[in-house]
Amino acid sequence: MNAVEKRLHQLRTALKSAESFAAKHPRALTASVVGALSCFAVTAFGIAPLAPDAAELPKRTLVETLAAPDIEAQLDELAAHSIGLARAEATRSGDTPDSLLKRAGAFDPAAAAFLRNEPLARRIFQGRAGKMVHVTADASGQVERVIVRFPADKAEQQGTHFTRLTIERDGTAFRAHTATVPFQTQIALGSGSIRTSLFAATDSANIPDAIASQMADMFSGDIDFHRELRKGDRFSIVYETLTADGEPVTWDGGVGRLLAGEFTNNGKTYSAVWFKDSATGKASFFGFDGQSKRRAFLASPMEFSRITSGFAMRFHPILNTWRQHNGTDYGAPTGTAVRSVGDGTVEMAGWQNGFGNVVQVRHGGDRSTVYAHLSKIDVKKGQRIEQGQRIGAVGATGWATGPHLHFEFRVGGRHVDPRTIAKASEAVTLPGYAKAQFLQTVASVKAQLAVAETMDGVSAAE
């Protein structure tokens, strides 16, 4: 046996040993592979002399020129580079221009004086604390730019636009200006389970209260959230969040619209999607079957609240007698918005003995609603109003022991249980020409809801 045959025999023996070791010790497979590769390297070394002599191979010379970096130019560029800072700080209660700039790492008495004296700049410290202020300064701590964002100044633009306040250094002075800019939107997904209440579940999933209220509205015709909610009920939603210059909006109204949702209540699942008719511009919640979730009357005159007294006999807290309670009382803090449950005309807006500040709205079909004990009235007699429009605020005027809303629904002058009217009222139908567009929308949100369903107790942007 010559040297080459001997080396080949050694290789075969090593490989067989490696296979046997791997079969008996699978966890040590990596080590055996390394061992096999080591044997192969030794064998290759033994066979190498059979390869052609390199001296006999044709030769070619390759020349490549590499550009050496200009170190001096790079050093000059680095020396000319201005080092500074950019930092964001939230305003705090009791903040002054000096304290805010100090936290941001900027030491600039001239900038502090401008923030203290300029009317536009003073807006940073007015109203609620928590405004996010972005400060850019140079290496010496001199302020170059300050940017802060607020809700839009005009009421009709709030929820769609924000105000950007910019303060810039101009030589030795500063100038301030504002611009109204539209929000950008992001799609967010969330899901949760009911353990105690709807808001407790949405809080656990980091879902904003405004979205929870929209969800209660979306399914108000299917579920009575005051009486029918069950422990173990589940929901999954798709909704919009708003960003201002790419940053999440933290102030009130920093969320957009609820786009779609599924809610399983007592074993039955309800689905809905927000759909806008491109031809008419009208929008509403619809079930996946094309049936509108919007009915002629909302289930509640408030977005979400606690029922303290229903449509039944009760012991009157002031008269101290048992009497029929011809409405529903909703407990809520003073100032909470009260909305009309349907389209109609304001028939009465003013003071009425035990009701205190009261609004009465006339709807179609000889139906009317009453909203009593208001702290504020926002409509006038004869005014046409739409479903969901604010008509006043919760209070404790008239015969009331605490802040709440007394709500009545009357048909032909006769009192009826308000919560039975919403489910029984007529629904808005989807136009036939819009069905193709609607089905495309449903297909899109179904895929998003499938993802949201896997995120139990979580809310996250896509």
Protein backbone atom coordinates (compact mmCIF):
# COMPACT_ATOMS: atom_id res chain seq x y z
CA MET A 1 0.00 0.00 0.00
CA ASN A 2 1.55 3.28 -1.15
CA ALA A 3 1.34 6.58 0.77
CA VAL A 4 -1.75 7.83 -1.10
CA GLU A 5 -3.71 4.63 -0.54
CA LYS A 6 -2.73 4.70 3.11
CA ARG A 7 -4.07 8.23 3.49
CA LEU A 8 -7.36 7.31 1.78
CA HIS A 9 -7.76 4.32 4.10
CA GLN A 10 -7.22 6.59 7.10
CA LEU A 11 -9.90 8.99 5.76
CA ARG A 12 -12.48 6.21 5.34
CA THR A 13 -11.76 4.91 8.85
CA ALA A 14 -12.14 8.43 10.36
CA LEU A 15 -15.46 9.04 8.60
CA LYS A 16 -16.87 5.69 9.78
CA SER A 17 -15.81 6.49 13.34
CA ALA A 18 -17.48 9.92 13.09
CA GLU A 19 -20.76 8.38 11.83
CA SER A 20 -20.74 5.82 14.64
CA PHE A 21 -20.04 8.53 17.24
CA ALA A 22 -22.86 10.77 15.91
CA ALA A 23 -25.35 7.92 16.10
CA LYS A 24 -24.43 7.13 19.71
CA HIS A 25 -23.94 10.74 20.85
CA PRO A 26 -26.22 13.05 18.77
CA ARG A 27 -25.63 16.02 21.09
CA ALA A 28 -21.94 15.85 20.35
CA LEU A 29 -22.57 15.92 16.61
CA THR A 30 -20.91 19.28 16.21
CA ALA A 31 -17.70 18.00 17.79
CA SER A 32 -17.66 14.95 15.52
CA VAL A 33 -18.11 17.12 12.46
CA VAL A 34 -15.17 19.25 13.58
CA GLY A 35 -13.14 16.09 14.06
CA ALA A 36 -14.05 14.84 10.58
CA LEU A 37 -13.08 18.17 9.06
CA SER A 38 -9.74 18.02 10.91
CA CYS A 39 -9.06 14.55 9.46
CA PHE A 40 -9.98 15.85 6.04
CA ALA A 41 -7.50 18.70 6.42
CA VAL A 42 -4.72 16.26 7.31
CA THR A 43 -5.65 14.00 4.39
CA ALA A 44 -5.75 16.91 2.00
CA PHE A 45 -2.26 17.83 3.15
CA GLY A 46 -1.13 14.30 2.39
CA ILE A 47 -2.65 14.34 -1.10
CA ALA A 48 -1.43 17.82 -1.95
CA PRO A 49 1.90 16.64 -3.45
CA LEU A 50 -0.09 15.08 -6.33
CA ALA A 51 -1.23 18.57 -7.43
CA PRO A 52 0.60 20.30 -10.34
CA ASP A 53 3.77 22.18 -9.47
CA ALA A 54 2.95 25.90 -9.15
CA ALA A 55 6.20 26.79 -10.90
CA GLU A 56 4.92 25.10 -14.06
CA LEU A 57 1.61 27.05 -14.14
CA PRO A 58 1.24 30.14 -16.41
CA LYS A 59 1.81 33.42 -14.58
CA ARG A 60 -0.17 36.71 -14.81
CA THR A 61 0.53 39.90 -12.92
CA LEU A 62 -2.47 42.00 -11.75
CA VAL A 63 -1.93 45.61 -10.80
CA GLU A 64 -4.64 47.54 -8.87
CA THR A 65 -4.28 51.11 -7.70
CA LEU A 66 -6.05 51.98 -4.44
CA ALA A 67 -6.77 55.59 -3.57
CA ALA A 68 -5.37 56.43 -0.15
CA PRO A 69 -7.76 58.50 2.00
CA ASP A 70 -6.91 62.14 2.38
CA ILE A 71 -6.44 62.20 6.14
CA GLU A 72 -5.75 65.91 6.30
CA ALA A 73 -8.98 66.75 4.44
CA GLN A 74 -10.98 64.53 6.81
CA LEU A 75 -9.41 66.21 9.83
CA ASP A 76 -10.23 69.64 8.42
CA GLU A 77 -13.85 68.60 7.84
CA LEU A 78 -14.14 67.22 11.37
CA ALA A 79 -12.67 70.42 12.83
CA ALA A 80 -15.22 72.49 10.91
CA HIS A 81 -18.14 70.35 12.10
CA SER A 82 -20.29 72.12 14.69
CA ILE A 83 -21.10 69.95 17.70
CA GLY A 84 -24.37 70.75 19.45
CA LEU A 85 -27.37 69.14 21.11
CA ALA A 86 -30.98 68.37 20.26
CA ARG A 87 -33.25 67.37 23.10
CA ALA A 88 -36.97 67.07 23.89
CA GLU A 89 -38.36 67.97 27.31
CA ALA A 90 -41.95 67.95 28.58
CA THR A 91 -43.13 71.08 30.36
CA ARG A 92 -43.90 70.72 34.06
CA SER A 93 -46.28 72.53 36.37
CA GLY A 94 -44.57 75.69 37.59
CA ASP A 95 -41.95 75.64 34.82
CA THR A 96 -40.14 78.85 33.86
CA PRO A 97 -38.15 79.50 30.68
CA ASP A 98 -34.92 79.15 32.70
CA SER A 99 -35.89 75.82 34.30
CA LEU A 100 -37.09 74.35 30.99
CA LEU A 101 -33.94 75.35 29.08
CA LYS A 102 -31.71 74.14 31.93
CA ARG A 103 -33.29 70.66 31.80
CA ALA A 104 -32.75 70.64 28.05
CA GLY A 105 -29.03 71.41 28.57
CA ALA A 106 -29.19 74.92 27.08
CA PHE A 107 -27.82 77.94 28.97
CA ASP A 108 -28.99 81.03 27.12
CA PRO A 109 -30.30 84.07 29.06
CA ALA A 110 -31.32 85.81 25.81
CA ALA A 111 -33.46 82.82 24.76
CA ALA A 112 -35.01 82.61 28.24
CA ALA A 113 -35.91 86.31 28.11
CA PHE A 114 -37.53 85.84 24.69
CA LEU A 115 -39.61 82.89 25.96
CA ARG A 116 -40.65 84.99 28.94
CA ASN A 117 -41.70 88.13 27.04
CA GLU A 118 -42.81 87.16 23.53
CA PRO A 119 -46.64 86.51 23.43
CA LEU A 120 -46.35 83.56 21.05
CA ALA A 121 -43.47 82.01 22.99
CA ARG A 122 -45.33 82.33 26.30
CA ARG A 123 -47.90 79.83 25.00
CA ILE A 124 -45.40 77.10 25.85
CA PHE A 125 -46.10 77.67 29.55
CA GLN A 126 -49.84 78.36 29.31
CA GLY A 127 -52.57 75.76 29.84
CA ARG A 128 -51.78 72.18 30.74
CA ALA A 129 -48.28 70.98 31.51
CA GLY A 130 -46.84 68.07 29.52
CA LYS A 131 -46.20 69.85 26.21
CA MET A 132 -43.21 68.32 24.43
CA VAL A 133 -40.64 71.04 23.67
CA HIS A 134 -37.79 70.31 21.23
CA VAL A 135 -34.67 72.42 21.83
CA THR A 136 -31.66 72.61 19.49
CA ALA A 137 -28.53 74.37 20.77
CA ASP A 138 -24.87 74.74 19.78
CA ALA A 139 -21.86 73.44 21.69
CA SER A 140 -21.79 76.52 23.92
CA GLY A 141 -25.45 76.01 24.96
CA GLN A 142 -26.86 78.87 22.87
CA VAL A 143 -30.37 78.08 21.63
CA GLU A 144 -30.73 77.83 17.87
CA ARG A 145 -34.32 76.56 17.59
CA VAL A 146 -37.30 75.66 19.78
CA ILE A 147 -40.30 73.74 18.40
CA VAL A 148 -43.50 72.89 20.29
CA ARG A 149 -46.85 71.59 19.05
CA PHE A 150 -50.40 72.35 20.29
CA PRO A 151 -53.97 71.44 19.35
CA ALA A 152 -55.23 73.55 16.43
CA ASP A 153 -56.41 77.04 17.37
CA LYS A 154 -59.64 76.83 15.35
CA ALA A 155 -62.30 74.51 16.76
CA GLU A 156 -63.23 73.19 13.30
CA GLN A 157 -59.64 72.05 12.72
CA GLN A 158 -59.15 70.30 16.04
CA GLY A 159 -58.85 66.57 15.52
CA THR A 160 -57.53 67.02 11.97
CA HIS A 161 -54.77 69.66 12.36
CA PHE A 162 -52.27 70.88 14.94
CA THR A 163 -50.45 74.16 15.53
CA ARG A 164 -46.65 74.13 15.26
CA LEU A 165 -44.86 76.96 17.10
CA THR A 166 -41.28 77.56 15.93
CA ILE A 167 -38.79 79.89 17.62
CA GLU A 168 -35.50 80.47 15.76
CA ARG A 169 -32.37 82.47 16.41
CA ASP A 170 -31.84 85.19 13.82
CA GLY A 171 -28.36 86.53 14.46
CA THR A 172 -28.46 88.02 17.94
CA ALA A 173 -32.27 88.10 18.08
CA PHE A 174 -35.10 85.56 17.96
CA ARG A 175 -38.31 85.31 15.95
CA ALA A 176 -41.42 83.18 16.54
CA HIS A 177 -44.09 82.02 14.12
CA THR A 178 -46.88 79.43 13.99
CA ALA A 179 -48.24 77.18 11.25
CA THR A 180 -51.36 75.00 11.11
CA VAL A 181 -50.43 71.55 9.86
CA PRO A 182 -52.55 68.43 9.20
CA PHE A 183 -52.01 65.35 11.35
CA GLN A 184 -50.57 62.20 9.85
CA THR A 185 -52.23 58.90 10.71
CA GLN A 186 -50.93 55.47 11.66
CA ILE A 187 -52.88 52.24 11.90
CA ALA A 188 -52.89 50.58 15.32
CA LEU A 189 -54.19 47.18 16.42
CA GLY A 190 -55.41 46.14 19.84
CA SER A 191 -57.30 43.42 21.70
CA GLY A 192 -58.38 42.57 25.21
CA SER A 193 -60.65 40.60 27.53
CA ILE A 194 -63.32 41.86 29.91
CA ARG A 195 -62.57 41.12 33.55
CA THR A 196 -64.34 43.97 35.33
CA SER A 197 -65.32 46.71 32.85
CA LEU A 198 -64.80 47.89 29.30
CA PHE A 199 -62.49 50.74 30.28
CA ALA A 200 -60.44 48.52 32.60
CA ALA A 201 -59.88 46.12 29.68
CA THR A 202 -58.95 48.88 27.22
CA ASP A 203 -56.64 50.50 29.80
CA SER A 204 -54.84 47.16 30.25
CA ALA A 205 -54.35 47.00 26.47
CA ASN A 206 -53.14 50.65 26.29
CA ILE A 207 -56.10 51.56 24.10
CA PRO A 208 -57.11 55.25 24.40
CA ASP A 209 -60.40 56.07 26.16
CA ALA A 210 -61.64 57.88 23.05
CA ILE A 211 -61.32 54.63 21.05
CA ALA A 212 -63.06 52.66 23.82
CA SER A 213 -65.96 55.13 23.64
CA GLN A 214 -66.16 54.73 19.86
CA MET A 215 -66.22 50.96 20.30
CA ALA A 216 -69.12 51.28 22.73
CA ASP A 217 -70.92 53.37 20.10
CA MET A 218 -70.04 50.94 17.31
CA PHE A 219 -71.73 48.02 19.07
CA SER A 220 -74.36 49.94 21.07
CA GLY A 221 -77.13 48.56 18.84
CA ASP A 222 -75.98 44.98 19.53
CA ILE A 223 -74.77 45.09 23.14
CA ASP A 224 -76.07 46.96 26.15
CA PHE A 225 -72.71 47.77 27.75
CA HIS A 226 -74.43 48.76 31.00
CA ARG A 227 -76.25 45.47 31.57
CA GLU A 228 -75.05 42.76 29.15
CA LEU A 229 -71.25 42.87 29.48
CA ARG A 230 -69.84 39.54 30.74
CA LYS A 231 -66.53 38.50 32.26
CA GLY A 232 -64.54 36.74 29.52
CA ASP A 233 -66.03 38.79 26.65
CA ARG A 234 -63.33 39.59 24.06
CA PHE A 235 -62.67 42.30 21.51
CA SER A 236 -60.19 43.06 18.72
CA ILE A 237 -59.97 46.45 17.00
CA VAL A 238 -58.23 48.41 14.26
CA TYR A 239 -57.95 52.16 14.81
CA GLU A 240 -56.04 55.28 13.83
CA THR A 241 -53.48 57.10 15.93
CA LEU A 242 -52.42 60.62 15.05
CA THR A 243 -48.87 61.90 14.69
CA ALA A 244 -47.62 65.48 14.51
CA ASP A 245 -44.46 65.74 12.41
CA GLY A 246 -44.02 62.00 12.90
CA GLU A 247 -44.36 62.06 16.70
CA PRO A 248 -47.29 60.52 18.63
CA VAL A 249 -49.84 63.09 19.79
CA THR A 250 -50.17 63.04 23.58
CA TRP A 251 -52.79 65.71 24.15
CA ASP A 252 -56.57 65.18 24.14
CA GLY A 253 -57.84 64.17 20.70
CA GLY A 254 -54.56 62.44 19.84
CA VAL A 255 -56.37 59.51 18.31
CA GLY A 256 -58.28 59.24 15.09
CA ARG A 257 -61.18 56.99 14.25
CA LEU A 258 -62.02 53.42 15.15
CA LEU A 259 -61.84 51.64 11.77
CA ALA A 260 -63.05 48.13 12.54
CA GLY A 261 -63.81 45.83 15.43
CA GLU A 262 -65.02 42.43 16.58
CA PHE A 263 -66.67 41.94 19.96
CA THR A 264 -67.64 38.57 21.42
CA ASN A 265 -70.35 39.04 24.03
CA ASN A 266 -71.80 36.06 25.88
CA GLY A 267 -70.57 33.69 23.16
CA LYS A 268 -71.87 35.69 20.18
CA THR A 269 -69.48 37.65 17.94
CA TYR A 270 -70.39 40.99 16.36
CA SER A 271 -68.28 42.63 13.64
CA ALA A 272 -68.30 46.16 12.26
CA VAL A 273 -66.29 48.46 10.00
CA TRP A 274 -66.22 52.22 9.50
CA PHE A 275 -67.20 52.86 5.87
CA LYS A 276 -67.37 56.14 3.97
CA ASP A 277 -69.46 56.36 0.81
CA SER A 278 -67.14 58.00 -1.73
CA ALA A 279 -70.12 59.28 -3.73
CA THR A 280 -72.00 61.05 -0.93
CA GLY A 281 -69.19 61.54 1.57
CA LYS A 282 -71.38 60.09 4.33
CA ALA A 283 -69.84 57.56 6.69
CA SER A 284 -71.05 55.18 9.38
CA PHE A 285 -70.37 51.83 11.04
CA PHE A 286 -71.59 48.78 9.11
CA GLY A 287 -71.64 45.08 9.92
CA PHE A 288 -69.59 42.85 7.63
CA ASP A 289 -72.89 41.78 6.08
CA GLY A 290 -73.51 45.35 4.87
CA GLN A 291 -76.16 46.18 7.48
CA SER A 292 -75.62 49.58 9.06
CA LYS A 293 -74.81 49.77 12.77
CA ARG A 294 -76.11 53.32 12.84
CA ARG A 295 -79.73 53.53 13.86
CA ALA A 296 -82.06 56.48 14.08
CA PHE A 297 -81.27 56.78 17.81
CA LEU A 298 -78.12 56.23 19.85
CA ALA A 299 -78.34 53.96 22.87
CA SER A 300 -76.98 56.62 25.22
CA PRO A 301 -76.82 60.44 25.36
CA MET A 302 -73.25 60.16 26.65
CA GLU A 303 -70.24 58.40 25.15
CA PHE A 304 -69.88 56.07 28.11
CA SER A 305 -71.08 56.46 31.68
CA ARG A 306 -72.58 54.68 34.68
CA ILE A 307 -76.34 54.22 35.00
CA THR A 308 -77.35 55.20 38.53
CA SER A 309 -81.12 54.81 38.16
CA GLY A 310 -83.04 53.01 35.45
CA PHE A 311 -86.55 53.16 34.00
CA ALA A 312 -88.41 51.64 36.97
CA MET A 313 -89.89 52.30 40.40
CA ARG A 314 -87.42 53.90 42.79
CA PHE A 315 -87.22 55.67 46.14
CA HIS A 316 -86.95 59.39 45.31
CA PRO A 317 -83.87 60.80 47.10
CA ILE A 318 -85.46 64.25 47.68
CA LEU A 319 -89.20 63.55 48.03
CA ASN A 320 -88.52 60.40 50.12
CA THR A 321 -91.32 58.45 48.43
CA TRP A 322 -91.51 55.54 46.01
CA ARG A 323 -92.25 56.86 42.51
CA GLN A 324 -92.06 55.68 38.93
CA HIS A 325 -88.79 56.90 37.42
CA ASN A 326 -89.71 57.84 33.84
CA GLY A 327 -86.18 58.05 32.51
CA THR A 328 -82.61 56.94 32.99
CA ASP A 329 -80.03 58.67 35.18
CA TYR A 330 -76.37 58.62 34.15
CA GLY A 331 -73.73 59.41 36.75
CA ALA A 332 -70.83 61.48 35.42
CA PRO A 333 -68.61 64.39 36.52
CA THR A 334 -69.87 67.94 36.06
CA GLY A 335 -68.97 69.22 32.60
CA THR A 336 -69.12 65.85 30.84
CA ALA A 337 -70.49 66.34 27.32
CA VAL A 338 -74.15 65.43 26.66
CA ARG A 339 -75.18 64.65 23.06
CA SER A 340 -78.43 64.32 21.20
CA VAL A 341 -79.36 60.70 20.54
CA GLY A 342 -80.95 61.56 17.19
CA ASP A 343 -81.54 64.20 14.52
CA GLY A 344 -84.16 66.75 15.46
CA THR A 345 -85.13 70.30 16.42
CA VAL A 346 -84.62 71.90 19.84
CA GLU A 347 -88.11 72.41 21.25
CA MET A 348 -87.06 73.83 24.62
CA ALA A 349 -83.72 75.03 26.08
CA GLY A 350 -83.79 76.71 29.47
CA TRP A 351 -84.80 76.39 33.11
CA GLN A 352 -87.68 74.15 34.24
CA ASN A 353 -88.26 73.79 38.01
CA GLY A 354 -87.08 70.36 39.21
CA PHE A 355 -85.23 69.66 35.96
CA GLY A 356 -83.03 72.73 36.33
CA ASN A 357 -81.31 73.46 33.02
CA VAL A 358 -83.05 71.25 30.49
CA VAL A 359 -83.09 70.66 26.73
CA GLN A 360 -85.98 69.00 24.92
CA VAL A 361 -85.52 67.80 21.33
CA ARG A 362 -88.32 66.95 18.90
CA HIS A 363 -87.54 64.05 16.55
CA GLY A 364 -89.53 62.55 13.68
CA GLY A 365 -92.50 60.24 14.25
CA ASP A 366 -93.87 62.14 17.26
CA ARG A 367 -90.82 61.23 19.32
CA SER A 368 -88.93 63.52 21.70
CA THR A 369 -86.06 63.36 24.18
CA VAL A 370 -85.34 65.27 27.39
CA TYR A 371 -81.91 66.07 28.93
CA ALA A 372 -82.10 67.51 32.47
CA HIS A 373 -79.96 68.90 35.34
CA LEU A 374 -77.42 70.34 32.87
CA SER A 375 -74.66 72.62 34.08
CA LYS A 376 -74.50 74.24 30.64
CA ILE A 377 -76.77 74.48 27.58
CA ASP A 378 -75.07 74.66 24.16
CA VAL A 379 -78.13 74.91 21.87
CA LYS A 380 -81.04 77.31 21.35
CA LYS A 381 -84.76 76.82 20.85
CA GLY A 382 -85.61 76.16 17.18
CA GLN A 383 -82.08 74.99 16.30
CA ARG A 384 -81.69 71.96 14.00
CA ILE A 385 -79.27 69.41 15.45
CA GLU A 386 -77.76 66.13 14.30
CA GLN A 387 -77.31 62.79 16.01
CA GLY A 388 -74.29 62.89 18.31
CA GLN A 389 -74.14 66.70 18.43
CA ARG A 390 -73.25 68.21 21.81
CA ILE A 391 -76.25 69.96 23.40
CA GLY A 392 -74.91 70.64 26.90
CA ALA A 393 -72.92 69.34 29.86
CA VAL A 394 -73.65 67.24 32.95
CA GLY A 395 -74.54 69.18 36.09
CA ALA A 396 -76.60 69.13 39.28
CA THR A 397 -79.12 71.93 38.66
CA GLY A 398 -82.73 71.66 39.82
CA TRP A 399 -83.72 68.81 42.12
CA ALA A 400 -80.46 66.86 42.10
CA THR A 401 -78.35 65.48 44.93
CA GLY A 402 -75.21 65.26 42.78
CA PRO A 403 -73.94 65.67 39.20
CA HIS A 404 -75.80 63.40 36.77
CA LEU A 405 -77.89 63.48 33.61
CA HIS A 406 -81.60 62.64 33.72
CA PHE A 407 -82.63 61.40 30.25
CA GLU A 408 -86.14 60.68 28.98
CA PHE A 409 -87.55 59.29 25.73
CA ARG A 410 -91.18 60.01 24.88
CA VAL A 411 -93.36 58.67 22.08
CA GLY A 412 -96.63 60.54 21.57
CA GLY A 413 -96.09 62.12 24.99
CA ARG A 414 -95.81 58.72 26.70
CA HIS A 415 -92.59 57.78 28.51
CA VAL A 416 -90.78 54.69 27.22
CA ASP A 417 -87.55 52.94 28.26
CA PRO A 418 -84.79 54.75 26.29
CA ARG A 419 -82.60 51.65 26.02
CA THR A 420 -85.24 49.68 24.13
CA ILE A 421 -85.69 52.42 21.53
CA ALA A 422 -82.13 52.31 20.12
CA LYS A 423 -82.29 48.60 19.28
CA ALA A 424 -85.78 48.86 17.83
CA SER A 425 -85.13 52.00 15.74
CA GLU A 426 -84.70 51.78 12.00
CA ALA A 427 -81.21 51.24 10.55
CA VAL A 428 -79.51 53.18 7.78
CA THR A 429 -78.99 50.99 4.69
CA LEU A 430 -75.91 50.70 2.47
CA PRO A 431 -76.53 51.96 -1.11
CA GLY A 432 -76.29 49.25 -3.76
CA TYR A 433 -73.67 51.08 -5.85
CA ALA A 434 -71.29 51.16 -2.85
CA LYS A 435 -71.20 47.41 -2.22
CA ALA A 436 -68.08 46.66 -4.30
CA GLN A 437 -66.08 49.34 -2.48
CA PHE A 438 -67.50 48.13 0.83
CA LEU A 439 -66.43 44.51 0.24
CA GLN A 440 -62.86 45.65 -0.52
CA THR A 441 -62.80 47.56 2.76
CA VAL A 442 -64.09 44.53 4.68
CA ALA A 443 -61.48 42.21 3.15
CA SER A 444 -58.70 44.60 4.21
CA VAL A 445 -59.83 44.99 7.84
CA LYS A 446 -60.50 41.26 8.27
CA ALA A 447 -56.79 40.57 7.74
CA GLN A 448 -55.88 43.28 10.28
CA LEU A 449 -58.37 41.98 12.83
CA ALA A 450 -56.91 38.48 12.49
CA VAL A 451 -53.54 39.90 13.55
CA ALA A 452 -55.11 41.99 16.35
CA GLU A 453 -56.81 38.89 17.76
CA THR A 454 -53.40 37.39 18.54
CA MET A 455 -52.39 40.44 20.60
CA ASP A 456 -54.33 39.75 23.81
CA GLY A 457 -54.07 42.72 26.14
CA VAL A 458 -51.83 44.65 23.73
CA SER A 459 -52.14 47.71 21.48
CA ALA A 460 -49.46 48.43 18.88
CA ALA A 461 -48.95 50.36 15.65
CA GLU A 462 -48.48 48.43 12.45
